[in-house]
Amino acid sequence: METVAAVVVTYNRLEDLKKCLVSLREQTRPLEAIIVINNGSTDGTGEWLAEQTGLRVVTQPNLGGAGGFATGIDTAYQAGFDWLWCMDDDCLAAPDALEALMTSPNIGPCIKNCVSVSNKDHSELAFYVDRPNRSYRKVADMTPYDLVYGVAFFFNGTLVSAEVVKNVGLPDKKLFIWGDEVEYMTRVQKMGYPVVTVPSSIFYHPPSFDRNGIPWPGAWKQYYAVRNQRRVFQNIHGDSYGFMVFMKWSARATLGQIGGTHANRLYNFLLYGEAALDSVFNNFRKQPGGILTVKLYRLLNK
């Protein structure tokens, strides 16, 4: 029988983590292992994990979601598991979520994703998906199909074949957060591996929100969404044309902040511009504390 290890990345959400782990231990298709990557939590998570049994725990500094999943996937892959089931700590798996993934149509080495359902409204998807010929908003938009190709909610119940990891590699930890999951998905697709959602496999997750509307200084996350987008475009379109697509997209997105309706439009404009320039000059080293626009905001809003 093929082996499956769950990979859970956590940072300062101990109560959510506890619920997530309960849902994993209640799976109708039992897991061979549960690997928890503690991204330097300071809320007692480390102490609580030290008291638990039946878990494999790796503790590291906060490297963002990208660094957490890079470590988790590598740990599970090196341990020899056939499939790696990846998730954030605020996910809740339906009891038969893993069983539905494992019994879904066999399409060889691939990535299969649970459906991310809003934990606020179980009729809605937690993340909206727009495709040129179809949009997915409701769970019912997906349920008529056994598999929905080209759609996945990384890393929320994402089942990754070990063969995919062998040939594609790991998520890029330099991307830190927001966009790292899309970059990995497009890299997998570029290598020719199927990426699908399995509508019969349900994962509950807090619904997404309007990122442009995040109150400052929490908007620092949008820096990474803009900066990392260049890598996504280049995976899809190739290096040269993808770079040009990014230049056009980032210029429009940056200038669009000035005419936006959100508060702190000037800071949004500066943040987008900083992110775009860093991406163009291949500066993927900045941690959240090093974002210049955020430093400026904090200096002027003490």
Protein backbone atom coordinates (compact mmCIF):
# COMPACT_ATOMS: atom_id res chain seq x y z
CA MET A 1 0.00 0.00 0.00
CA GLU A 2 1.22 3.49 -0.82
CA THR A 3 2.31 5.56 2.17
CA VAL A 4 1.12 9.08 2.98
CA ALA A 5 2.62 11.64 5.35
CA ALA A 6 0.79 14.82 6.30
CA VAL A 7 2.90 18.00 6.33
CA VAL A 8 1.51 20.77 8.54
CA VAL A 9 3.19 24.19 8.70
CA THR A 10 2.36 26.25 11.78
CA TYR A 11 3.18 29.69 13.13
CA ASN A 12 1.57 31.15 16.27
CA ARG A 13 -1.83 29.50 15.82
CA LEU A 14 -1.75 26.84 18.50
CA GLU A 15 -5.52 26.45 18.91
CA ASP A 16 -5.98 26.11 15.15
CA LEU A 17 -3.13 23.60 15.02
CA LYS A 18 -4.75 21.44 17.69
CA LYS A 19 -8.00 21.26 15.71
CA CYS A 20 -6.15 20.53 12.49
CA LEU A 21 -4.26 17.62 14.05
CA VAL A 22 -7.47 16.16 15.49
CA SER A 23 -8.99 16.16 12.00
CA LEU A 24 -5.93 14.35 10.65
CA ARG A 25 -6.01 11.70 13.34
CA GLU A 26 -9.69 11.02 12.57
CA GLN A 27 -9.14 10.21 8.88
CA THR A 28 -10.94 7.12 7.59
CA ARG A 29 -7.77 6.34 5.63
CA PRO A 30 -5.10 6.57 8.36
CA LEU A 31 -1.90 8.47 7.76
CA GLU A 32 1.47 6.80 8.08
CA ALA A 33 2.95 9.94 9.65
CA ILE A 34 2.15 13.52 10.63
CA ILE A 35 5.04 15.95 10.23
CA VAL A 36 4.70 19.38 11.86
CA ILE A 37 6.97 22.24 10.84
CA ASN A 38 7.04 24.80 13.63
CA ASN A 39 8.10 28.10 12.04
CA GLY A 40 9.52 29.59 15.23
CA SER A 41 6.20 30.04 17.03
CA THR A 42 6.24 32.13 20.20
CA ASP A 43 2.73 31.34 21.52
CA GLY A 44 3.51 28.09 23.34
CA THR A 45 3.28 25.90 20.25
CA GLY A 46 6.79 24.53 20.72
CA GLU A 47 6.16 23.58 24.33
CA TRP A 48 2.85 21.91 23.46
CA LEU A 49 4.36 19.96 20.57
CA ALA A 50 7.14 18.71 22.85
CA GLU A 51 4.51 16.99 25.00
CA GLN A 52 2.76 15.23 22.10
CA THR A 53 3.27 11.69 20.83
CA GLY A 54 2.84 10.33 17.32
CA LEU A 55 4.17 13.47 15.63
CA ARG A 56 7.39 14.24 13.83
CA VAL A 57 8.28 17.84 14.69
CA VAL A 58 10.82 20.08 12.98
CA THR A 59 11.45 23.51 14.53
CA GLN A 60 13.06 26.30 12.52
CA PRO A 61 13.06 30.13 12.38
CA ASN A 62 10.06 31.74 10.71
CA LEU A 63 10.78 31.23 7.00
CA GLY A 64 7.23 31.93 5.91
CA GLY A 65 4.93 29.45 4.25
CA ALA A 66 7.46 28.88 1.47
CA GLY A 67 10.25 27.97 3.87
CA GLY A 68 7.91 25.87 5.99
CA PHE A 69 6.66 23.77 3.10
CA ALA A 70 10.13 23.50 1.58
CA THR A 71 11.34 21.96 4.84
CA GLY A 72 8.24 19.83 5.32
CA ILE A 73 8.16 18.42 1.80
CA ASP A 74 11.88 17.72 1.90
CA THR A 75 11.56 15.99 5.28
CA ALA A 76 8.72 13.74 4.09
CA TYR A 77 10.39 13.03 0.74
CA GLN A 78 13.72 12.09 2.34
CA ALA A 79 11.83 9.76 4.71
CA GLY A 80 10.58 7.82 1.68
CA PHE A 81 6.83 8.44 1.73
CA ASP A 82 4.99 7.97 -1.57
CA TRP A 83 2.62 10.91 -1.11
CA LEU A 84 2.93 14.14 0.88
CA TRP A 85 -0.31 15.79 2.05
CA CYS A 86 0.44 19.47 2.67
CA MET A 87 -1.61 22.00 4.64
CA ASP A 88 -1.59 25.14 6.75
CA ASP A 89 -2.45 24.95 10.44
CA ASP A 90 -5.86 26.65 10.01
CA CYS A 91 -7.26 23.85 7.83
CA LEU A 92 -9.76 21.21 8.91
CA ALA A 93 -9.97 18.01 6.87
CA ALA A 94 -13.29 16.23 6.49
CA PRO A 95 -13.01 12.70 7.93
CA ASP A 96 -12.87 11.07 4.48
CA ALA A 97 -10.77 13.79 2.78
CA LEU A 98 -7.65 11.65 2.38
CA GLU A 99 -9.62 8.54 1.43
CA ALA A 100 -11.36 10.50 -1.35
CA LEU A 101 -8.01 11.68 -2.68
CA MET A 102 -6.48 8.21 -2.64
CA THR A 103 -9.45 6.52 -4.30
CA SER A 104 -9.95 9.19 -6.98
CA PRO A 105 -9.08 8.28 -10.60
CA ASN A 106 -5.45 7.20 -11.00
CA ILE A 107 -3.67 9.67 -13.28
CA GLY A 108 -0.13 8.71 -12.33
CA PRO A 109 2.39 11.02 -10.66
CA CYS A 110 0.56 14.28 -10.07
CA ILE A 111 -0.78 16.73 -7.56
CA LYS A 112 -4.30 16.23 -6.24
CA ASN A 113 -5.98 18.87 -4.10
CA CYS A 114 -8.94 18.84 -1.77
CA VAL A 115 -11.68 21.39 -2.38
CA SER A 116 -11.09 24.34 -0.06
CA VAL A 117 -14.52 25.13 1.36
CA SER A 118 -15.22 28.27 3.37
CA ASN A 119 -15.56 27.46 7.05
CA LYS A 120 -18.03 30.36 7.27
CA ASP A 121 -20.35 29.17 4.49
CA HIS A 122 -20.08 25.56 3.39
CA SER A 123 -21.72 26.33 0.05
CA GLU A 124 -18.87 28.63 -1.00
CA LEU A 125 -15.26 28.01 -1.93
CA ALA A 126 -12.69 29.50 0.43
CA PHE A 127 -10.75 30.74 -2.61
CA TYR A 128 -12.40 31.91 -5.81
CA VAL A 129 -10.95 30.60 -9.05
CA ASP A 130 -11.18 32.40 -12.39
CA ARG A 131 -10.30 30.70 -15.66
CA PRO A 132 -10.70 32.10 -19.18
CA ASN A 133 -13.73 29.94 -19.84
CA ARG A 134 -15.04 29.26 -16.33
CA SER A 135 -15.25 30.73 -12.84
CA TYR A 136 -15.62 28.76 -9.64
CA ARG A 137 -17.32 30.44 -6.70
CA LYS A 138 -19.60 27.80 -5.19
CA VAL A 139 -18.80 24.26 -4.15
CA ALA A 140 -21.58 23.19 -6.54
CA ASP A 141 -19.52 24.57 -9.43
CA MET A 142 -17.08 21.68 -8.92
CA THR A 143 -19.20 18.81 -7.66
CA PRO A 144 -20.41 17.61 -11.11
CA TYR A 145 -16.84 16.47 -11.92
CA ASP A 146 -14.62 13.64 -10.71
CA LEU A 147 -11.53 15.79 -11.29
CA VAL A 148 -11.15 19.47 -12.11
CA TYR A 149 -7.96 19.89 -14.13
CA GLY A 150 -5.71 22.91 -13.81
CA VAL A 151 -7.25 24.05 -10.52
CA ALA A 152 -5.73 23.55 -7.07
CA PHE A 153 -5.69 25.36 -3.74
CA PHE A 154 -2.01 25.08 -2.74
CA PHE A 155 -1.16 24.32 0.13
CA ASN A 156 -4.55 23.45 1.55
CA GLY A 157 -4.95 19.71 1.42
CA THR A 158 -2.45 19.37 -1.43
CA LEU A 159 -1.41 15.76 -2.11
CA VAL A 160 1.98 15.72 -3.85
CA SER A 161 3.49 12.63 -5.45
CA ALA A 162 7.06 11.89 -4.36
CA GLU A 163 7.96 11.54 -8.04
CA VAL A 164 6.87 15.13 -8.61
CA VAL A 165 9.19 16.27 -5.81
CA LYS A 166 12.01 14.18 -7.27
CA ASN A 167 11.79 15.88 -10.67
CA VAL A 168 10.44 19.36 -9.85
CA GLY A 169 12.16 20.01 -6.54
CA LEU A 170 10.93 21.97 -3.54
CA PRO A 171 9.03 25.22 -3.09
CA ASP A 172 11.43 28.16 -3.26
CA LYS A 173 11.93 29.32 0.32
CA LYS A 174 13.23 32.71 -0.89
CA LEU A 175 9.65 33.62 -1.91
CA PHE A 176 8.64 33.56 1.78
CA ILE A 177 4.85 33.95 1.46
CA TRP A 178 2.01 34.80 -0.96
CA GLY A 179 2.75 33.64 -4.46
CA ASP A 180 5.14 30.88 -3.45
CA GLU A 181 2.36 28.32 -3.79
CA VAL A 182 1.36 29.57 -7.25
CA GLU A 183 4.99 29.56 -8.36
CA TYR A 184 5.33 25.94 -7.29
CA MET A 185 2.08 24.94 -9.01
CA THR A 186 3.09 26.56 -12.29
CA ARG A 187 6.52 24.92 -12.06
CA VAL A 188 4.86 21.53 -11.65
CA GLN A 189 2.60 22.19 -14.63
CA LYS A 190 5.57 23.35 -16.70
CA MET A 191 7.15 19.93 -16.11
CA GLY A 192 4.02 18.27 -17.50
CA TYR A 193 2.51 16.82 -14.32
CA PRO A 194 -1.28 17.00 -13.91
CA VAL A 195 -2.63 19.34 -11.24
CA VAL A 196 -6.23 18.62 -10.28
CA THR A 197 -8.84 19.23 -7.63
CA VAL A 198 -10.86 16.27 -6.35
CA PRO A 199 -14.37 17.63 -5.59
CA SER A 200 -15.27 14.71 -3.34
CA SER A 201 -12.41 15.57 -0.96
CA ILE A 202 -13.34 18.42 1.38
CA PHE A 203 -11.10 20.76 3.35
CA TYR A 204 -12.45 23.64 5.43
CA HIS A 205 -10.49 26.88 5.47
CA PRO A 206 -11.11 30.53 6.41
CA PRO A 207 -12.29 32.41 3.31
CA SER A 208 -9.84 34.62 1.48
CA PHE A 209 -10.13 38.38 1.75
CA ASP A 210 -9.41 41.49 -0.29
CA ARG A 211 -5.62 41.72 0.01
CA ASN A 212 -5.51 45.30 -1.22
CA GLY A 213 -7.75 46.22 1.70
CA ILE A 214 -5.58 44.85 4.48
CA PRO A 215 -5.15 47.55 7.14
CA TRP A 216 -1.63 48.91 7.43
CA PRO A 217 0.92 47.87 8.49
CA GLY A 218 -0.38 44.34 7.83
CA ALA A 219 -0.31 45.10 4.11
CA TRP A 220 3.36 44.04 4.08
CA LYS A 221 2.16 40.66 2.81
CA GLN A 222 1.14 42.25 -0.47
CA TYR A 223 4.82 43.08 -1.08
CA TYR A 224 5.49 39.38 -1.56
CA ALA A 225 2.44 38.83 -3.75
CA VAL A 226 3.73 41.49 -6.18
CA ARG A 227 7.42 40.60 -6.01
CA ASN A 228 6.86 36.86 -6.51
CA GLN A 229 4.54 37.32 -9.47
CA ARG A 230 7.46 37.67 -11.87
CA ARG A 231 8.44 34.07 -11.22
CA VAL A 232 4.87 32.93 -11.89
CA PHE A 233 4.70 34.75 -15.23
CA GLN A 234 8.07 33.37 -16.29
CA ASN A 235 6.99 29.81 -15.47
CA ILE A 236 3.90 30.28 -17.62
CA HIS A 237 5.32 32.31 -20.52
CA GLY A 238 9.05 31.65 -20.49
CA ASP A 239 11.82 33.87 -19.15
CA SER A 240 11.89 36.67 -21.73
CA TYR A 241 8.21 37.07 -22.53
CA GLY A 242 7.26 36.36 -18.92
CA PHE A 243 9.53 39.21 -17.81
CA MET A 244 7.78 41.59 -20.20
CA VAL A 245 4.38 40.43 -18.99
CA PHE A 246 5.47 41.12 -15.42
CA MET A 247 6.73 44.60 -16.30
CA LYS A 248 3.41 45.54 -17.86
CA TRP A 249 1.37 43.94 -15.07
CA SER A 250 3.40 45.45 -12.22
CA ALA A 251 3.36 48.95 -13.75
CA ARG A 252 -0.41 48.83 -14.12
CA ALA A 253 -0.89 47.38 -10.62
CA THR A 254 1.43 49.96 -9.02
CA LEU A 255 -0.12 52.98 -10.75
CA GLY A 256 -3.56 51.57 -9.98
CA GLN A 257 -2.96 52.01 -6.26
CA ILE A 258 -2.98 55.81 -6.60
CA GLY A 259 -6.52 55.80 -7.92
CA GLY A 260 -7.73 53.14 -5.51
CA THR A 261 -10.42 53.57 -2.88
CA HIS A 262 -8.53 52.01 0.01
CA ALA A 263 -6.96 54.01 2.80
CA ASN A 264 -3.20 54.53 2.72
CA ARG A 265 -3.12 54.61 -1.08
CA LEU A 266 0.29 56.28 -1.08
CA TYR A 267 1.80 53.51 1.02
CA ASN A 268 0.22 50.91 -1.25
CA PHE A 269 1.77 52.67 -4.25
CA LEU A 270 5.20 52.74 -2.63
CA LEU A 271 4.91 49.11 -1.51
CA TYR A 272 3.97 47.89 -4.99
CA GLY A 273 6.77 49.92 -6.54
CA GLU A 274 9.33 48.60 -4.08
CA ALA A 275 8.22 45.03 -4.68
CA ALA A 276 8.33 45.41 -8.47
CA LEU A 277 11.82 46.93 -8.41
CA ASP A 278 13.12 44.23 -6.08
CA SER A 279 11.70 41.59 -8.40
CA VAL A 280 13.25 43.19 -11.49
CA PHE A 281 16.65 43.35 -9.81
CA ASN A 282 16.28 39.81 -8.44
CA ASN A 283 16.26 40.87 -4.80
CA PHE A 284 14.45 38.00 -3.12
CA ARG A 285 16.24 38.33 0.21
CA LYS A 286 13.97 40.73 2.12
CA GLN A 287 12.34 39.53 5.29
CA PRO A 288 9.21 41.41 6.47
CA GLY A 289 11.27 43.63 8.76
CA GLY A 290 13.37 44.78 5.83
CA ILE A 291 10.58 46.17 3.64
CA LEU A 292 11.37 49.87 3.29
CA THR A 293 7.78 51.05 2.82
CA VAL A 294 6.74 49.32 6.02
CA LYS A 295 9.64 50.96 7.87
CA LEU A 296 8.53 54.34 6.54
CA TYR A 297 4.94 53.74 7.63
CA ARG A 298 5.99 52.77 11.13
CA LEU A 299 8.34 55.77 11.38
CA LEU A 300 5.56 58.22 10.40
CA ASN A 301 2.80 56.53 12.37
CA LYS A 302 4.35 55.97 15.78
